Amino acid sequence: MKSDRLLLGFDIGGTKCAAVLGRETPSGDIDILGKTRFPTAETGGPAACIDRFCREAELLLRERHFSPESPIGIGISCGSPLDSRSGRILSPPNLPGWDDVPVADLLKRRFPVPVFLQNDANACAVAEWKYGAGRGTRNMIFLTFGTGMGAGLILDGRLYSGTNDNAGECGHIRLEPYGPVGYGKAGSMEGFCSGGGIARLARMRLLELSQCGRSVSWAPEPEQVDAKLVAEAAERGDALALEIYRESARHLGKGVAILMDLLNPECIVIGSVFARSERLFREEMERVIREEALPLTRSVCRIVPAGLGERIGDIACLAIAGGLE
């Protein structure tokens, strides 16, 4: 791997955006040379946001004495739906007004380099595969386990995105006939295994308690409960909070077992909520996997927390800037 591979990345989020400049090192890691962030809402729509990205990127390059031609490519990480082949963003729910935006073509007008667009789960999968916990594998699954639940699939040493960029939408799998709603479906994997899902599970349990005239000290206002609050209570040994995390872990084990049997990966990397609270998930998740997954597929697959930590969003957009071949 060459040391002169300069990479430019754009992370487009519903709340915040980031322009990131990085360089691959001879050892195969990425050094972040510069970064700028700005609120998505303040840009005033996709055209203005893309212009802001370009201006921020030009400044990052100029400050380090690079030209717009210097990066080997630009990587864009964004929520789905999108068309990675044509480089178009197709009305993501967290980006109102971003309807059929030809983001790759717009960026090429300012930067005469290749531009690559991927959904955020796929971009994070490539990042963990190239630079994180999945490094050295050929068959790896990355599970987001953040606000929602999605998967990025590395199969036979390549990113697999499906026929129209919808591969890996495991959050939509229904694990139970009833349960918290996630991805628009009650009882889905996202309903049980996401930050939002854990919060909804907690609110359901707290509502049941309140109807019996009981409450818990760590959640005086159930509507304000989030996964972090439940995790803090569980770490203190609160019985209700621990049971909420066990329920999420049970369903995580079910979902992981399905993916394990279907795709036979050597590694499953799980991010965000799991990575921060692995101790609360591990035992119950593994118990269910032992019950549900085939022994031969289970025996060759390790399950690990994401290795890039809070840097994963920055590394993700840079990871796809060099192309996926």
Foldseek 3Di string as FASTA:
>chain_A
DDFQAKEWEWEDFLFKIKIWIWTQHPVQAIDTQDMDMDTPVVQPADVSVLVVNLVVNCVSQVVVPHHLARHQFFFYEAADDDAFVQCFHDQDVSHPRRHGHSSQVVVCVRRVHHYTYAYNQQLLVLLCCRHKDNDPFQWEWEWEQEQFTWIWTRHRNFTDQPDGNPPTRQQQAAPDCADADGPNHGRGLRLLRHFNNLLVLQLVVQVVQVVVVHHDPLPPDSVPDTSVSLLVCVVVPDPSSLVSLLRSLLSLLVSVQVCLQVRLTQEYEYEDPCLVRVVSRPPSSVVNSVVRHDPVSVVRYDYYYIGPPPCSSVSSRRSPGNDGD
